Structures are given as C-alpha cells and as structure tokens.
Amino acid sequence: MSETLETTDVPASDTELLARTASAVQEAGAALRERFGEVVRHETREDLMRALAVNDDAALDILRPRLTALRPDARWVEDELDGGALPAGEWWVVDPAEGNVNHLHALPDWAVTATLVRENRPVLTVVHLPLTGETYTALTGAGAHLDGRPLRVAPTTDLGLSIVATSQARPDEDGDVVRRVGSSITAMLFDALVVRTSVPATLHLVDVAAGRTDAFWQFAGARADLLPGALLVTEAGGEISDAEGRPWTPQSRSFLATAPGIHAEAVATLSR
C-alpha cells in the first residue's frame, strides 16, 4: 500500500485510529518545535494574539487535514477555549499548542493534543510533548500509556502527603472564579504537602495519570483543557468529578482529578 493510502484510508478500529492520530499529533509537534527557542516579544494584547495564532496555524495546517482524513464525518471544534456539551455525533477537540503562551516565552511547558469525542464522551486522546518526545495516549477501556508503557495513578491515601496542582482556566477570567481559585489554593496550602500552580492544565493531568502528582483541580475551563487529561486519568485508574464530588461533564463549573485514595479529602478541602 502506498504511503498516501496509508495516511488517508479510514482506520478499521479505534486502536488503529489512535495510532494514526498519534502520528499526526507528533508531526504537528515537530513543526512547533522548529519554531521554539526565542522569546517572542509583544507590546500589546493584539500582538500577543497574533503570535498565538501563528503557532496555532502552524500545527493546524498539519492536524486538520490529517485528522479529517481519518474521520471524514467527525466535526471540528473551532474554538479551543469553548466549554459545555457538544451536539450529537463525533467531534475532534484539538489544542494545537496547549500552553501556547509558554511556547512564546521560551518556556518548556507546552504540548499538542487531539481528542476524539463521541456522543460527548472522549473515546481516545493523544498528548505529545515535542521537547521531550513523550507521547501520552488513552483509549476508552484499553488503558492509558506513555510511549506504550502503561500508566497508573499514585497509591497515595493521605492528602497531607500529596503534591497537588491547579491552573487558571483562561486570561480575563470572571472575578468570582478568580476569587474561588485563590481561596482554593489557600485551602490546599493548609491541607496538602505541596501546591503547584501553572498552565497548562493538560500537563498537570498527565502527571496525575503517571502517578507523579496526586491531584489536579480547576474552576471553569475549556473542553480542550480537560478532556484529554480526564480520559488519561480515568484510564490510569484515577477518579474524576467536579470540586464538590459530583460526576464531571463538560458542562460542569469545576473539575477535579485525583488518585482514588485522596479524592474524598480533596473534595472536603475544595468544598470549604
């Protein structure tokens, strides 16, 4: 079979689809890696938005045709900052430069992600870190993996011995959300061992899935921020809910992912 047919034929299974999605995401990551290294200066918000868009477009020029060829009937979420439920059917939820602002500031915390959502449930996801070469994947019912090696959340059972993390959902967040984020960090500083605060959310969530950290929470948030990590953590044996312990959906106003042994403690802390 020619290379052209290999990259455009619709995969016969979700397992094959995951592998081809990973290939597309890795190719997009390579394009962004070539653009990385120098701080991109900006004097105004407009300058910043233009620079972010250039990075997004460099990755999307690769991702959109590759992923569309894999699932021709799947629709495409155009705004990575959108939240809430999706209409019925299949959707690609893609963040072409997750942590884009870090990329522009020559900081290493950024990734490329692609998640296939089917009837509002993530089916498969790929998170690729171009600077390290790591690729995290998850397929519903088949586990979560890092470069093919199974992932498992931490066995931690004491929040007081836990490393936890949070992230701001977006710039210019609603004032009530900002205040809630601040109070939640204060609460966790009292109850957890260490609190980490940075963007993007996805990189915290891969750490939870890999057992490196024990919990991540966020108030508000976009689908592209949370769906990849939600599937990775779930398939690695973790627990997902909102901050009050209720089942999480893309419509939820908060998000919590933990090792099972500290979920109840984390909910109690965040609910104060």
Protein backbone atom coordinates (compact mmCIF):
# COMPACT_ATOMS: atom_id res chain seq x y z
CA MET A 1 0.00 0.00 0.00
CA SER A 2 1.31 3.45 -0.87
CA GLU A 3 2.09 5.99 1.83
CA THR A 4 -0.75 8.19 0.54
CA LEU A 5 -3.31 5.44 1.06
CA GLU A 6 -1.88 4.62 4.49
CA THR A 7 -2.40 8.17 5.69
CA THR A 8 -5.88 8.75 4.19
CA ASP A 9 -7.71 5.41 4.50
CA VAL A 10 -10.24 5.42 7.33
CA PRO A 11 -8.85 3.20 10.13
CA ALA A 12 -10.64 -0.09 10.71
CA SER A 13 -10.63 0.22 14.52
CA ASP A 14 -10.25 2.76 17.29
CA THR A 15 -6.89 1.18 18.12
CA GLU A 16 -5.62 1.89 14.63
CA LEU A 17 -7.23 5.33 14.76
CA LEU A 18 -5.33 6.13 17.96
CA ALA A 19 -2.02 5.17 16.38
CA ARG A 20 -2.64 7.35 13.33
CA THR A 21 -3.84 10.23 15.47
CA ALA A 22 -0.60 9.99 17.44
CA SER A 23 1.38 10.19 14.22
CA ALA A 24 -0.46 13.35 13.15
CA VAL A 25 -0.04 14.99 16.55
CA GLN A 26 3.68 14.16 16.60
CA GLU A 27 4.12 15.70 13.15
CA ALA A 28 2.38 18.88 14.30
CA GLY A 29 4.58 18.91 17.41
CA ALA A 30 7.69 18.74 15.27
CA ALA A 31 6.54 21.83 13.37
CA LEU A 32 6.09 23.74 16.63
CA ARG A 33 9.42 22.51 17.97
CA GLU A 34 11.14 24.11 14.99
CA ARG A 35 9.56 27.43 15.97
CA PHE A 36 10.62 27.20 19.63
CA GLY A 37 13.58 28.83 21.33
CA GLU A 38 13.47 32.62 21.32
CA VAL A 39 11.10 34.73 23.40
CA VAL A 40 8.51 36.30 21.10
CA ARG A 41 8.14 39.90 22.25
CA HIS A 42 4.77 41.63 22.17
CA GLU A 43 3.82 45.17 23.15
CA THR A 44 0.02 44.87 23.05
CA ARG A 45 -2.67 42.23 23.51
CA GLU A 46 -3.20 42.31 19.75
CA ASP A 47 0.49 41.48 19.19
CA LEU A 48 0.17 38.55 21.58
CA MET A 49 -2.98 37.20 19.94
CA ARG A 50 -1.35 37.37 16.51
CA ALA A 51 1.69 35.44 17.74
CA LEU A 52 -0.51 32.79 19.37
CA ALA A 53 -2.47 32.42 16.13
CA VAL A 54 0.70 31.88 14.10
CA ASN A 55 1.64 28.93 16.30
CA ASP A 56 -1.88 27.53 16.19
CA ASP A 57 -1.99 27.76 12.41
CA ALA A 58 1.39 26.03 12.02
CA ALA A 59 0.05 23.00 13.88
CA LEU A 60 -3.49 23.11 12.45
CA ASP A 61 -2.18 23.12 8.90
CA ILE A 62 -0.97 19.60 9.67
CA LEU A 63 -3.65 18.39 12.08
CA ARG A 64 -6.81 19.44 10.29
CA PRO A 65 -6.26 17.56 7.00
CA ARG A 66 -4.73 14.53 8.73
CA LEU A 67 -7.49 14.12 11.29
CA THR A 68 -10.26 14.93 8.83
CA ALA A 69 -8.98 12.18 6.56
CA LEU A 70 -9.09 9.73 9.48
CA ARG A 71 -12.71 10.55 10.43
CA PRO A 72 -14.34 12.33 7.48
CA ASP A 73 -17.71 12.62 9.22
CA ALA A 74 -16.38 13.97 12.50
CA ARG A 75 -16.93 17.66 13.05
CA TRP A 76 -14.29 20.04 14.34
CA VAL A 77 -14.44 22.24 17.43
CA GLU A 78 -13.21 25.55 16.07
CA ASP A 79 -12.51 27.37 19.36
CA GLU A 80 -10.20 25.58 21.80
CA LEU A 81 -11.46 27.85 24.61
CA ASP A 82 -15.08 26.71 24.24
CA GLY A 83 -16.74 24.74 27.03
CA GLY A 84 -20.03 22.93 27.56
CA ALA A 85 -21.68 19.99 25.85
CA LEU A 86 -21.24 19.24 22.16
CA PRO A 87 -24.04 18.34 19.75
CA ALA A 88 -24.55 14.65 19.00
CA GLY A 89 -22.04 12.76 16.88
CA GLU A 90 -18.25 12.69 16.64
CA TRP A 91 -16.05 15.72 17.21
CA TRP A 92 -12.34 16.41 17.12
CA VAL A 93 -11.36 18.52 20.13
CA VAL A 94 -7.84 19.76 19.39
CA ASP A 95 -5.47 22.12 21.12
CA PRO A 96 -2.77 22.75 18.50
CA ALA A 97 -0.50 24.45 21.05
CA GLU A 98 -1.60 23.66 24.59
CA GLY A 99 0.36 26.12 26.71
CA ASN A 100 0.92 28.35 23.68
CA VAL A 101 1.83 31.35 25.85
CA ASN A 102 4.64 29.30 27.39
CA HIS A 103 5.95 28.45 23.91
CA LEU A 104 6.07 32.16 23.06
CA HIS A 105 8.02 32.86 26.26
CA ALA A 106 10.55 30.09 25.56
CA LEU A 107 9.21 28.05 28.48
CA PRO A 108 9.11 24.26 28.03
CA ASP A 109 5.58 23.60 29.34
CA TRP A 110 3.54 23.11 26.17
CA ALA A 111 2.09 20.27 24.15
CA VAL A 112 -0.09 19.31 21.20
CA THR A 113 -3.32 17.44 21.93
CA ALA A 114 -6.09 15.78 19.96
CA THR A 115 -9.15 14.04 21.41
CA LEU A 116 -11.97 12.29 19.59
CA VAL A 117 -15.29 12.83 21.36
CA ARG A 118 -18.22 10.54 20.55
CA GLU A 119 -21.64 11.46 21.92
CA ASN A 120 -19.99 13.80 24.44
CA ARG A 121 -17.60 11.17 25.77
CA PRO A 122 -13.88 11.16 24.98
CA VAL A 123 -13.01 7.97 23.09
CA LEU A 124 -9.30 8.44 22.51
CA THR A 125 -6.71 11.08 23.16
CA VAL A 126 -3.11 11.90 22.31
CA VAL A 127 -0.94 14.38 24.23
CA HIS A 128 2.51 14.93 22.71
CA LEU A 129 5.33 16.89 24.37
CA PRO A 130 7.63 17.82 21.47
CA LEU A 131 10.58 18.94 23.60
CA THR A 132 10.86 15.61 25.43
CA GLY A 133 9.44 13.42 22.68
CA GLU A 134 6.91 11.91 25.11
CA THR A 135 3.53 10.82 23.80
CA TYR A 136 0.67 10.06 26.20
CA THR A 137 -2.27 8.11 24.81
CA ALA A 138 -5.53 6.74 26.13
CA LEU A 139 -8.31 4.68 24.59
CA THR A 140 -11.58 4.05 26.40
CA GLY A 141 -11.44 0.64 28.04
CA ALA A 142 -7.86 0.00 26.94
CA GLY A 143 -5.87 1.99 29.50
CA ALA A 144 -3.53 4.96 29.42
CA HIS A 145 0.06 4.78 28.20
CA LEU A 146 3.25 6.80 27.91
CA ASP A 147 5.15 5.76 24.79
CA GLY A 148 3.46 2.37 25.03
CA ARG A 149 4.11 1.83 28.75
CA PRO A 150 1.02 1.55 30.99
CA LEU A 151 0.26 4.45 33.31
CA ARG A 152 -1.14 4.16 36.82
CA VAL A 153 -2.16 6.86 39.27
CA ALA A 154 -0.43 7.12 42.64
CA PRO A 155 -1.45 4.87 45.57
CA THR A 156 -1.50 7.90 47.90
CA THR A 157 -4.09 7.83 50.69
CA ASP A 158 -3.20 10.98 52.66
CA LEU A 159 -3.79 14.46 51.25
CA GLY A 160 -1.25 15.75 53.75
CA LEU A 161 1.45 13.79 51.90
CA SER A 162 0.27 14.79 48.44
CA ILE A 163 1.55 17.04 45.69
CA VAL A 164 -1.47 18.79 44.17
CA ALA A 165 -1.83 21.31 41.36
CA THR A 166 -4.17 23.82 39.82
CA SER A 167 -4.30 26.11 36.81
CA GLN A 168 -6.19 29.18 35.68
CA ALA A 169 -8.71 28.37 33.01
CA ARG A 170 -8.13 31.44 30.84
CA PRO A 171 -6.92 35.03 30.96
CA ASP A 172 -9.51 37.64 31.95
CA GLU A 173 -11.47 35.08 33.94
CA ASP A 174 -14.68 36.08 35.74
CA GLY A 175 -13.94 37.75 39.07
CA ASP A 176 -15.90 35.21 41.10
CA VAL A 177 -13.87 32.39 39.53
CA VAL A 178 -10.60 34.19 40.28
CA ARG A 179 -11.57 34.60 43.92
CA ARG A 180 -12.60 30.94 44.14
CA VAL A 181 -9.27 29.85 42.66
CA GLY A 182 -7.44 31.95 45.24
CA SER A 183 -9.40 30.58 48.18
CA SER A 184 -8.96 27.01 46.96
CA ILE A 185 -5.18 27.44 46.74
CA THR A 186 -5.16 28.78 50.29
CA ALA A 187 -7.21 25.80 51.49
CA MET A 188 -4.88 23.34 49.77
CA LEU A 189 -1.82 25.09 51.21
CA PHE A 190 -3.17 24.16 54.64
CA ASP A 191 -4.14 20.56 53.78
CA ALA A 192 -1.72 19.26 51.13
CA LEU A 193 2.04 18.80 51.20
CA VAL A 194 2.88 20.92 48.14
CA VAL A 195 0.71 23.05 45.85
CA ARG A 196 1.79 23.73 42.27
CA THR A 197 0.17 26.48 40.18
CA SER A 198 0.88 26.88 36.48
CA VAL A 199 -0.55 26.47 33.00
CA PRO A 200 -1.48 24.43 31.05
CA ALA A 201 -3.92 22.06 32.73
CA THR A 202 -3.10 19.12 30.47
CA LEU A 203 0.47 18.82 31.70
CA HIS A 204 -0.70 18.62 35.31
CA LEU A 205 -3.19 15.94 34.33
CA VAL A 206 -0.61 13.75 32.62
CA ASP A 207 1.37 13.94 35.86
CA VAL A 208 -1.67 12.70 37.80
CA ALA A 209 -2.18 9.87 35.30
CA ALA A 210 1.50 8.93 35.59
CA GLY A 211 1.41 8.91 39.42
CA ARG A 212 3.89 11.79 39.73
CA THR A 213 1.36 14.07 41.42
CA ASP A 214 -1.78 13.21 43.32
CA ALA A 215 -4.50 15.68 42.36
CA PHE A 216 -5.41 18.49 39.99
CA TRP A 217 -8.36 20.86 40.18
CA GLN A 218 -9.62 23.77 38.14
CA PHE A 219 -12.61 26.09 38.15
CA ALA A 220 -14.30 26.72 34.81
CA GLY A 221 -12.22 25.56 31.85
CA ALA A 222 -12.46 24.57 28.23
CA ARG A 223 -13.05 21.16 26.71
CA ALA A 224 -9.59 21.14 25.14
CA ASP A 225 -8.04 21.82 28.57
CA LEU A 226 -9.74 18.98 30.39
CA LEU A 227 -10.96 16.19 28.08
CA PRO A 228 -7.51 14.77 27.22
CA GLY A 229 -6.43 14.61 30.85
CA ALA A 230 -9.82 13.37 32.03
CA LEU A 231 -9.54 10.32 29.79
CA LEU A 232 -5.88 9.72 30.68
CA VAL A 233 -6.55 9.88 34.42
CA THR A 234 -9.67 7.72 34.20
CA GLU A 235 -7.92 5.05 32.16
CA ALA A 236 -4.97 5.15 34.58
CA GLY A 237 -7.30 4.30 37.47
CA GLY A 238 -7.90 7.79 38.82
CA GLU A 239 -11.10 9.47 39.91
CA ILE A 240 -12.79 12.37 38.10
CA SER A 241 -15.51 14.62 39.50
CA ASP A 242 -16.34 18.25 39.98
CA ALA A 243 -14.87 20.02 43.01
CA GLU A 244 -17.91 19.05 45.11
CA GLY A 245 -17.59 15.36 44.25
CA ARG A 246 -20.40 15.18 41.71
CA PRO A 247 -19.93 13.47 38.33
CA TRP A 248 -17.98 15.69 35.95
CA THR A 249 -19.25 16.62 32.48
CA PRO A 250 -18.03 19.32 30.08
CA GLN A 251 -20.88 21.48 31.41
CA SER A 252 -19.55 21.34 35.00
CA ARG A 253 -18.28 24.56 36.57
CA SER A 254 -15.33 22.85 38.25
CA PHE A 255 -13.07 19.84 37.71
CA LEU A 256 -11.14 17.52 40.00
CA ALA A 257 -8.87 14.59 39.11
CA THR A 258 -7.21 12.60 41.87
CA ALA A 259 -5.70 9.36 42.97
CA PRO A 260 -8.69 7.46 44.43
CA GLY A 261 -7.21 7.35 47.91
CA ILE A 262 -7.36 11.12 48.42
CA HIS A 263 -10.49 12.02 46.44
CA ALA A 264 -12.77 12.44 49.46
CA GLU A 265 -10.18 14.58 51.28
CA ALA A 266 -9.64 16.77 48.23
CA VAL A 267 -13.39 17.30 47.83
CA ALA A 268 -13.69 18.24 51.51
CA THR A 269 -10.87 20.79 51.17
CA LEU A 270 -12.24 22.35 48.00
CA SER A 271 -15.79 22.48 49.36
CA ARG A 272 -14.91 24.60 52.38
